[in-house]
Amino acid sequence: MQELSALATSKTTMSEADQLKYVSELADKQTRHLALVRYYTKRTANTIAQKERQATTKRLMMQEFGHY
Protein backbone atom coordinates (compact mmCIF):
# COMPACT_ATOMS: atom_id res chain seq x y z
CA MET A 1 0.00 0.00 0.00
CA GLN A 2 2.86 2.37 0.78
CA GLU A 3 4.27 1.70 -2.67
CA LEU A 4 0.96 2.72 -4.25
CA SER A 5 0.84 5.88 -2.14
CA ALA A 6 4.36 6.76 -3.20
CA LEU A 7 3.39 6.21 -6.82
CA ALA A 8 0.35 8.47 -6.51
CA THR A 9 2.19 11.31 -4.77
CA SER A 10 5.54 11.26 -6.55
CA LYS A 11 6.33 13.37 -9.58
CA THR A 12 7.14 10.38 -11.76
CA THR A 13 6.65 10.25 -15.48
CA MET A 14 5.51 6.65 -15.72
CA SER A 15 3.24 5.91 -18.63
CA GLU A 16 -0.18 4.48 -17.95
CA ALA A 17 1.01 1.09 -19.20
CA ASP A 18 3.98 1.19 -16.82
CA GLN A 19 1.69 2.14 -13.95
CA LEU A 20 -0.69 -0.72 -14.76
CA LYS A 21 2.23 -3.15 -14.93
CA TYR A 22 3.58 -1.86 -11.61
CA VAL A 23 0.20 -2.18 -9.89
CA SER A 24 -0.28 -5.65 -11.38
CA GLU A 25 3.11 -6.75 -10.03
CA LEU A 26 2.18 -5.41 -6.59
CA ALA A 27 -1.11 -7.32 -6.73
CA ASP A 28 0.74 -10.51 -7.70
CA LYS A 29 3.16 -10.01 -4.82
CA GLN A 30 0.28 -9.53 -2.40
CA THR A 31 -1.48 -12.63 -3.75
CA ARG A 32 1.66 -14.73 -3.20
CA HIS A 33 2.07 -13.30 0.29
CA LEU A 34 -1.52 -14.10 1.24
CA ALA A 35 -1.14 -17.63 -0.14
CA LEU A 36 1.91 -18.12 2.09
CA VAL A 37 0.03 -16.79 5.10
CA ARG A 38 -2.86 -19.19 4.41
CA TYR A 39 -0.44 -22.11 3.97
CA TYR A 40 1.45 -21.48 7.21
CA THR A 41 -1.77 -20.80 9.15
CA LYS A 42 -3.22 -24.11 7.98
CA ARG A 43 0.04 -25.96 8.69
CA THR A 44 0.24 -24.52 12.20
CA ALA A 45 -3.39 -25.42 12.92
CA ASN A 46 -2.79 -28.98 11.70
CA THR A 47 0.32 -29.31 13.87
CA ILE A 48 -1.57 -28.08 16.94
CA ALA A 49 -4.46 -30.48 16.22
CA GLN A 50 -2.03 -33.39 15.84
CA LYS A 51 -0.32 -32.59 19.15
CA GLU A 52 -3.72 -32.36 20.86
CA ARG A 53 -4.73 -35.77 19.45
CA GLN A 54 -1.44 -37.28 20.64
CA ALA A 55 -1.92 -35.83 24.13
CA THR A 56 -5.49 -37.14 24.27
CA THR A 57 -4.39 -40.59 23.12
CA LYS A 58 -1.62 -40.67 25.70
CA ARG A 59 -3.99 -39.56 28.48
CA LEU A 60 -6.59 -42.17 27.52
CA MET A 61 -3.96 -44.92 27.35
CA MET A 62 -2.71 -43.96 30.80
CA GLN A 63 -6.26 -44.02 32.19
CA GLU A 64 -7.13 -47.32 30.54
CA PHE A 65 -3.91 -49.32 30.87
CA GLY A 66 -1.77 -47.40 33.34
CA HIS A 67 1.02 -46.92 30.80
CA TYR A 68 1.59 -45.66 27.32
PDB file of N, CA and C in Angstrom:
ATOM      1  N   MET A   1       0.824  -1.184   0.000  1.00  0.00           N
ATOM      2  CA  MET A   1       0.000   0.000   0.000  1.00  0.00           C
ATOM      3  C   MET A   1       0.871   1.251   0.000  1.00  0.00           C
ATOM      4  N   GLN A   2       1.963   1.214   0.749  1.00  0.00           N
ATOM      5  CA  GLN A   2       2.859   2.367   0.777  1.00  0.00           C
ATOM      6  C   GLN A   2       3.447   2.627  -0.602  1.00  0.00           C
ATOM      7  N   GLU A   3       3.715   1.536  -1.331  1.00  0.00           N
ATOM      8  CA  GLU A   3       4.272   1.703  -2.669  1.00  0.00           C
ATOM      9  C   GLU A   3       3.269   2.391  -3.586  1.00  0.00           C
ATOM     10  N   LEU A   4       1.991   2.056  -3.445  1.00  0.00           N
ATOM     11  CA  LEU A   4       0.964   2.715  -4.251  1.00  0.00           C
ATOM     12  C   LEU A   4       0.832   4.183  -3.872  1.00  0.00           C
ATOM     13  N   SER A   5       0.914   4.488  -2.586  1.00  0.00           N
ATOM     14  CA  SER A   5       0.835   5.876  -2.139  1.00  0.00           C
ATOM     15  C   SER A   5       2.001   6.680  -2.687  1.00  0.00           C
ATOM     16  N   ALA A   6       3.183   6.087  -2.669  1.00  0.00           N
ATOM     17  CA  ALA A   6       4.362   6.764  -3.200  1.00  0.00           C
ATOM     18  C   ALA A   6       4.198   7.010  -4.692  1.00  0.00           C
ATOM     19  N   LEU A   7       3.612   6.063  -5.386  1.00  0.00           N
ATOM     20  CA  LEU A   7       3.394   6.212  -6.820  1.00  0.00           C
ATOM     21  C   LEU A   7       2.420   7.349  -7.097  1.00  0.00           C
ATOM     22  N   ALA A   8       1.376   7.452  -6.295  1.00  0.00           N
ATOM     23  CA  ALA A   8       0.350   8.465  -6.512  1.00  0.00           C
ATOM     24  C   ALA A   8       0.851   9.863  -6.173  1.00  0.00           C
ATOM     25  N   THR A   9       1.761   9.983  -5.213  1.00  0.00           N
ATOM     26  CA  THR A   9       2.189  11.308  -4.771  1.00  0.00           C
ATOM     27  C   THR A   9       3.490  11.768  -5.406  1.00  0.00           C
ATOM     28  N   SER A  10       4.243  10.852  -5.994  1.00  0.00           N
ATOM     29  CA  SER A  10       5.535  11.260  -6.551  1.00  0.00           C
ATOM     30  C   SER A  10       5.343  11.937  -7.899  1.00  0.00           C
ATOM     31  N   LYS A  11       6.361  12.650  -8.306  1.00  0.00           N
ATOM     32  CA  LYS A  11       6.333  13.367  -9.584  1.00  0.00           C
ATOM     33  C   LYS A  11       6.982  12.510 -10.668  1.00  0.00           C
ATOM     34  N   THR A  12       6.562  11.279 -10.779  1.00  0.00           N
ATOM     35  CA  THR A  12       7.143  10.375 -11.763  1.00  0.00           C
ATOM     36  C   THR A  12       6.497  10.601 -13.118  1.00  0.00           C
ATOM     37  N   THR A  13       7.176  10.127 -14.117  1.00  0.00           N
ATOM     38  CA  THR A  13       6.654  10.255 -15.476  1.00  0.00           C
ATOM     39  C   THR A  13       6.378   8.876 -16.061  1.00  0.00           C
ATOM     40  N   MET A  14       5.835   7.993 -15.244  1.00  0.00           N
ATOM     41  CA  MET A  14       5.508   6.653 -15.719  1.00  0.00           C
ATOM     42  C   MET A  14       4.313   6.735 -16.663  1.00  0.00           C
ATOM     43  N   SER A  15       4.385   5.973 -17.720  1.00  0.00           N
ATOM     44  CA  SER A  15       3.243   5.907 -18.626  1.00  0.00           C
ATOM     45  C   SER A  15       2.128   5.115 -17.956  1.00  0.00           C
ATOM     46  N   GLU A  16       0.953   5.210 -18.520  1.00  0.00           N
ATOM     47  CA  GLU A  16      -0.179   4.478 -17.952  1.00  0.00           C
ATOM     48  C   GLU A  16       0.073   2.977 -18.010  1.00  0.00           C
ATOM     49  N   ALA A  17       0.690   2.514 -19.078  1.00  0.00           N
ATOM     50  CA  ALA A  17       1.008   1.087 -19.204  1.00  0.00           C
ATOM     51  C   ALA A  17       1.998   0.658 -18.125  1.00  0.00           C
ATOM     52  N   ASP A  18       3.005   1.505 -17.869  1.00  0.00           N
ATOM     53  CA  ASP A  18       3.978   1.191 -16.815  1.00  0.00           C
ATOM     54  C   ASP A  18       3.306   1.171 -15.447  1.00  0.00           C
ATOM     55  N   GLN A  19       2.403   2.108 -15.228  1.00  0.00           N
ATOM     56  CA  GLN A  19       1.686   2.145 -13.954  1.00  0.00           C
ATOM     57  C   GLN A  19       0.830   0.893 -13.777  1.00  0.00           C
ATOM     58  N   LEU A  20       0.135   0.485 -14.834  1.00  0.00           N
ATOM     59  CA  LEU A  20      -0.690  -0.721 -14.757  1.00  0.00           C
ATOM     60  C   LEU A  20       0.166  -1.949 -14.496  1.00  0.00           C
ATOM     61  N   LYS A  21       1.321  -2.017 -15.140  1.00  0.00           N
ATOM     62  CA  LYS A  21       2.230  -3.146 -14.927  1.00  0.00           C
ATOM     63  C   LYS A  21       2.720  -3.151 -13.480  1.00  0.00           C
ATOM     64  N   TYR A  22       3.085  -1.985 -12.977  1.00  0.00           N
ATOM     65  CA  TYR A  22       3.581  -1.857 -11.610  1.00  0.00           C
ATOM     66  C   TYR A  22       2.516  -2.297 -10.602  1.00  0.00           C
ATOM     67  N   VAL A  23       1.291  -1.826 -10.794  1.00  0.00           N
ATOM     68  CA  VAL A  23       0.198  -2.184  -9.891  1.00  0.00           C
ATOM     69  C   VAL A  23      -0.100  -3.677  -9.992  1.00  0.00           C
ATOM     70  N   SER A  24      -0.049  -4.217 -11.193  1.00  0.00           N
ATOM     71  CA  SER A  24      -0.281  -5.649 -11.385  1.00  0.00           C
ATOM     72  C   SER A  24       0.776  -6.473 -10.657  1.00  0.00           C
ATOM     73  N   GLU A  25       2.028  -6.041 -10.738  1.00  0.00           N
ATOM     74  CA  GLU A  25       3.105  -6.750 -10.033  1.00  0.00           C
ATOM     75  C   GLU A  25       2.907  -6.681  -8.525  1.00  0.00           C
ATOM     76  N   LEU A  26       2.465  -5.528  -8.027  1.00  0.00           N
ATOM     77  CA  LEU A  26       2.180  -5.414  -6.592  1.00  0.00           C
ATOM     78  C   LEU A  26       1.040  -6.342  -6.194  1.00  0.00           C
ATOM     79  N   ALA A  27       0.020  -6.425  -7.025  1.00  0.00           N
ATOM     80  CA  ALA A  27      -1.112  -7.316  -6.733  1.00  0.00           C
ATOM     81  C   ALA A  27      -0.654  -8.770  -6.724  1.00  0.00           C
ATOM     82  N   ASP A  28       0.210  -9.140  -7.673  1.00  0.00           N
ATOM     83  CA  ASP A  28       0.739 -10.508  -7.704  1.00  0.00           C
ATOM     84  C   ASP A  28       1.550 -10.806  -6.448  1.00  0.00           C
ATOM     85  N   LYS A  29       2.349  -9.834  -6.031  1.00  0.00           N
ATOM     86  CA  LYS A  29       3.161 -10.007  -4.822  1.00  0.00           C
ATOM     87  C   LYS A  29       2.260 -10.201  -3.604  1.00  0.00           C
ATOM     88  N   GLN A  30       1.205  -9.406  -3.525  1.00  0.00           N
ATOM     89  CA  GLN A  30       0.275  -9.526  -2.403  1.00  0.00           C
ATOM     90  C   GLN A  30      -0.440 -10.876  -2.436  1.00  0.00           C
ATOM     91  N   THR A  31      -0.814 -11.336  -3.615  1.00  0.00           N
ATOM     92  CA  THR A  31      -1.479 -12.634  -3.750  1.00  0.00           C
ATOM     93  C   THR A  31      -0.568 -13.753  -3.268  1.00  0.00           C
ATOM     94  N   ARG A  32       0.703 -13.707  -3.659  1.00  0.00           N
ATOM     95  CA  ARG A  32       1.658 -14.726  -3.202  1.00  0.00           C
ATOM     96  C   ARG A  32       1.837 -14.668  -1.692  1.00  0.00           C
ATOM     97  N   HIS A  33       1.911 -13.466  -1.155  1.00  0.00           N
ATOM     98  CA  HIS A  33       2.074 -13.299   0.290  1.00  0.00           C
ATOM     99  C   HIS A  33       0.873 -13.881   1.039  1.00  0.00           C
ATOM    100  N   LEU A  34      -0.318 -13.580   0.577  1.00  0.00           N
ATOM    101  CA  LEU A  34      -1.519 -14.099   1.237  1.00  0.00           C
ATOM    102  C   LEU A  34      -1.600 -15.616   1.132  1.00  0.00           C
ATOM    103  N   ALA A  35      -1.158 -16.173   0.008  1.00  0.00           N
ATOM    104  CA  ALA A  35      -1.140 -17.632  -0.138  1.00  0.00           C
ATOM    105  C   ALA A  35      -0.184 -18.252   0.875  1.00  0.00           C
ATOM    106  N   LEU A  36       0.967 -17.619   1.086  1.00  0.00           N
ATOM    107  CA  LEU A  36       1.911 -18.120   2.089  1.00  0.00           C
ATOM    108  C   LEU A  36       1.324 -18.036   3.491  1.00  0.00           C
ATOM    109  N   VAL A  37       0.658 -16.942   3.788  1.00  0.00           N
ATOM    110  CA  VAL A  37       0.029 -16.787   5.104  1.00  0.00           C
ATOM    111  C   VAL A  37      -1.018 -17.878   5.314  1.00  0.00           C
ATOM    112  N   ARG A  38      -1.852 -18.125   4.294  1.00  0.00           N
ATOM    113  CA  ARG A  38      -2.861 -19.186   4.405  1.00  0.00           C
ATOM    114  C   ARG A  38      -2.207 -20.542   4.609  1.00  0.00           C
ATOM    115  N   TYR A  39      -1.134 -20.824   3.859  1.00  0.00           N
ATOM    116  CA  TYR A  39      -0.442 -22.113   3.971  1.00  0.00           C
ATOM    117  C   TYR A  39       0.106 -22.321   5.382  1.00  0.00           C
ATOM    118  N   TYR A  40       0.832 -21.322   5.893  1.00  0.00           N
ATOM    119  CA  TYR A  40       1.446 -21.480   7.210  1.00  0.00           C
ATOM    120  C   TYR A  40       0.404 -21.489   8.327  1.00  0.00           C
ATOM    121  N   THR A  41      -0.690 -20.763   8.169  1.00  0.00           N
ATOM    122  CA  THR A  41      -1.770 -20.803   9.154  1.00  0.00           C
ATOM    123  C   THR A  41      -2.380 -22.195   9.210  1.00  0.00           C
ATOM    124  N   LYS A  42      -2.642 -22.770   8.037  1.00  0.00           N
ATOM    125  CA  LYS A  42      -3.220 -24.114   7.979  1.00  0.00           C
ATOM    126  C   LYS A  42      -2.246 -25.143   8.540  1.00  0.00           C
ATOM    127  N   ARG A  43      -0.963 -25.015   8.199  1.00  0.00           N
ATOM    128  CA  ARG A  43       0.043 -25.961   8.686  1.00  0.00           C
ATOM    129  C   ARG A  43       0.158 -25.895  10.204  1.00  0.00           C
ATOM    130  N   THR A  44       0.155 -24.690  10.750  1.00  0.00           N
ATOM    131  CA  THR A  44       0.242 -24.522  12.197  1.00  0.00           C
ATOM    132  C   THR A  44      -0.984 -25.114  12.884  1.00  0.00           C
ATOM    133  N   ALA A  45      -2.159 -24.864  12.332  1.00  0.00           N
ATOM    134  CA  ALA A  45      -3.388 -25.417  12.915  1.00  0.00           C
ATOM    135  C   ALA A  45      -3.360 -26.941  12.885  1.00  0.00           C
ATOM    136  N   ASN A  46      -2.879 -27.521  11.788  1.00  0.00           N
ATOM    137  CA  ASN A  46      -2.791 -28.980  11.698  1.00  0.00           C
ATOM    138  C   ASN A  46      -1.795 -29.542  12.703  1.00  0.00           C
ATOM    139  N   THR A  47      -0.676 -28.863  12.899  1.00  0.00           N
ATOM    140  CA  THR A  47       0.323 -29.305  13.872  1.00  0.00           C
ATOM    141  C   THR A  47      -0.253 -29.270  15.283  1.00  0.00           C
ATOM    142  N   ILE A  48      -0.955 -28.202  15.613  1.00  0.00           N
ATOM    143  CA  ILE A  48      -1.573 -28.083  16.937  1.00  0.00           C
ATOM    144  C   ILE A  48      -2.612 -29.181  17.135  1.00  0.00           C
ATOM    145  N   ALA A  49      -3.440 -29.433  16.122  1.00  0.00           N
ATOM    146  CA  ALA A  49      -4.464 -30.480  16.224  1.00  0.00           C
ATOM    147  C   ALA A  49      -3.815 -31.850  16.410  1.00  0.00           C
ATOM    148  N   GLN A  50      -2.722 -32.104  15.710  1.00  0.00           N
ATOM    149  CA  GLN A  50      -2.029 -33.391  15.840  1.00  0.00           C
ATOM    150  C   GLN A  50      -1.476 -33.560  17.253  1.00  0.00           C
ATOM    151  N   LYS A  51      -0.871 -32.514  17.793  1.00  0.00           N
ATOM    152  CA  LYS A  51      -0.323 -32.592  19.151  1.00  0.00           C
ATOM    153  C   LYS A  51      -1.440 -32.802  20.176  1.00  0.00           C
ATOM    154  N   GLU A  52      -2.583 -32.164  19.959  1.00  0.00           N
ATOM    155  CA  GLU A  52      -3.719 -32.358  20.864  1.00  0.00           C
ATOM    156  C   GLU A  52      -4.225 -33.798  20.795  1.00  0.00           C
ATOM    157  N   ARG A  53      -4.298 -34.371  19.590  1.00  0.00           N
ATOM    158  CA  ARG A  53      -4.726 -35.769  19.454  1.00  0.00           C
ATOM    159  C   ARG A  53      -3.745 -36.706  20.144  1.00  0.00           C
ATOM    160  N   GLN A  54      -2.447 -36.441  19.992  1.00  0.00           N
ATOM    161  CA  GLN A  54      -1.438 -37.277  20.640  1.00  0.00           C
ATOM    162  C   GLN A  54      -1.563 -37.196  22.155  1.00  0.00           C
ATOM    163  N   ALA A  55      -1.772 -35.997  22.680  1.00  0.00           N
ATOM    164  CA  ALA A  55      -1.916 -35.828  24.126  1.00  0.00           C
ATOM    165  C   ALA A  55      -3.167 -36.544  24.630  1.00  0.00           C
ATOM    166  N   THR A  56      -4.255 -36.453  23.881  1.00  0.00           N
ATOM    167  CA  THR A  56      -5.493 -37.137  24.265  1.00  0.00           C
ATOM    168  C   THR A  56      -5.297 -38.645  24.248  1.00  0.00           C
ATOM    169  N   THR A  57      -4.654 -39.150  23.210  1.00  0.00           N
ATOM    170  CA  THR A  57      -4.392 -40.589  23.116  1.00  0.00           C
ATOM    171  C   THR A  57      -3.535 -41.056  24.284  1.00  0.00           C
ATOM    172  N   LYS A  58      -2.503 -40.301  24.595  1.00  0.00           N
ATOM    173  CA  LYS A  58      -1.616 -40.667  25.701  1.00  0.00           C
ATOM    174  C   LYS A  58      -2.380 -40.670  27.025  1.00  0.00           C
ATOM    175  N   ARG A  59      -3.206 -39.650  27.245  1.00  0.00           N
ATOM    176  CA  ARG A  59      -3.988 -39.561  28.482  1.00  0.00           C
ATOM    177  C   ARG A  59      -4.961 -40.732  28.594  1.00  0.00           C
ATOM    178  N   LEU A  60      -5.636 -41.053  27.495  1.00  0.00           N
ATOM    179  CA  LEU A  60      -6.587 -42.168  27.523  1.00  0.00           C
ATOM    180  C   LEU A  60      -5.887 -43.501  27.744  1.00  0.00           C
ATOM    181  N   MET A  61      -4.723 -43.687  27.147  1.00  0.00           N
ATOM    182  CA  MET A  61      -3.959 -44.924  27.347  1.00  0.00           C
ATOM    183  C   MET A  61      -3.521 -45.048  28.805  1.00  0.00           C
ATOM    184  N   MET A  62      -3.115 -43.939  29.396  1.00  0.00           N
ATOM    185  CA  MET A  62      -2.710 -43.959  30.804  1.00  0.00           C
ATOM    186  C   MET A  62      -3.903 -44.302  31.692  1.00  0.00           C
ATOM    187  N   GLN A  63      -5.060 -43.731  31.395  1.00  0.00           N
ATOM    188  CA  GLN A  63      -6.257 -44.017  32.189  1.00  0.00           C
ATOM    189  C   GLN A  63      -6.688 -45.471  32.033  1.00  0.00           C
ATOM    190  N   GLU A  64      -6.626 -45.984  30.825  1.00  0.00           N
ATOM    191  CA  GLU A  64      -7.129 -47.321  30.538  1.00  0.00           C
ATOM    192  C   GLU A  64      -6.160 -48.414  30.966  1.00  0.00           C
ATOM    193  N   PHE A  65      -4.876 -48.237  30.659  1.00  0.00           N
ATOM    194  CA  PHE A  65      -3.912 -49.319  30.869  1.00  0.00           C
ATOM    195  C   PHE A  65      -2.838 -49.004  31.902  1.00  0.00           C
ATOM    196  N   GLY A  66      -2.762 -47.773  32.345  1.00  0.00           N
ATOM    197  CA  GLY A  66      -1.769 -47.398  33.342  1.00  0.00           C
ATOM    198  C   GLY A  66      -0.390 -47.142  32.762  1.00  0.00           C
ATOM    199  N   HIS A  67      -0.258 -47.230  31.471  1.00  0.00           N
ATOM    200  CA  HIS A  67       1.019 -46.918  30.802  1.00  0.00           C
ATOM    201  C   HIS A  67       0.721 -46.539  29.365  1.00  0.00           C
ATOM    202  N   TYR A  68       1.752 -46.061  28.717  1.00  0.00           N
ATOM    203  CA  TYR A  68       1.594 -45.660  27.317  1.00  0.00           C
ATOM    204  C   TYR A  68       2.502 -46.469  26.465  1.00  0.00           C
TER     205      TYR A  68
END
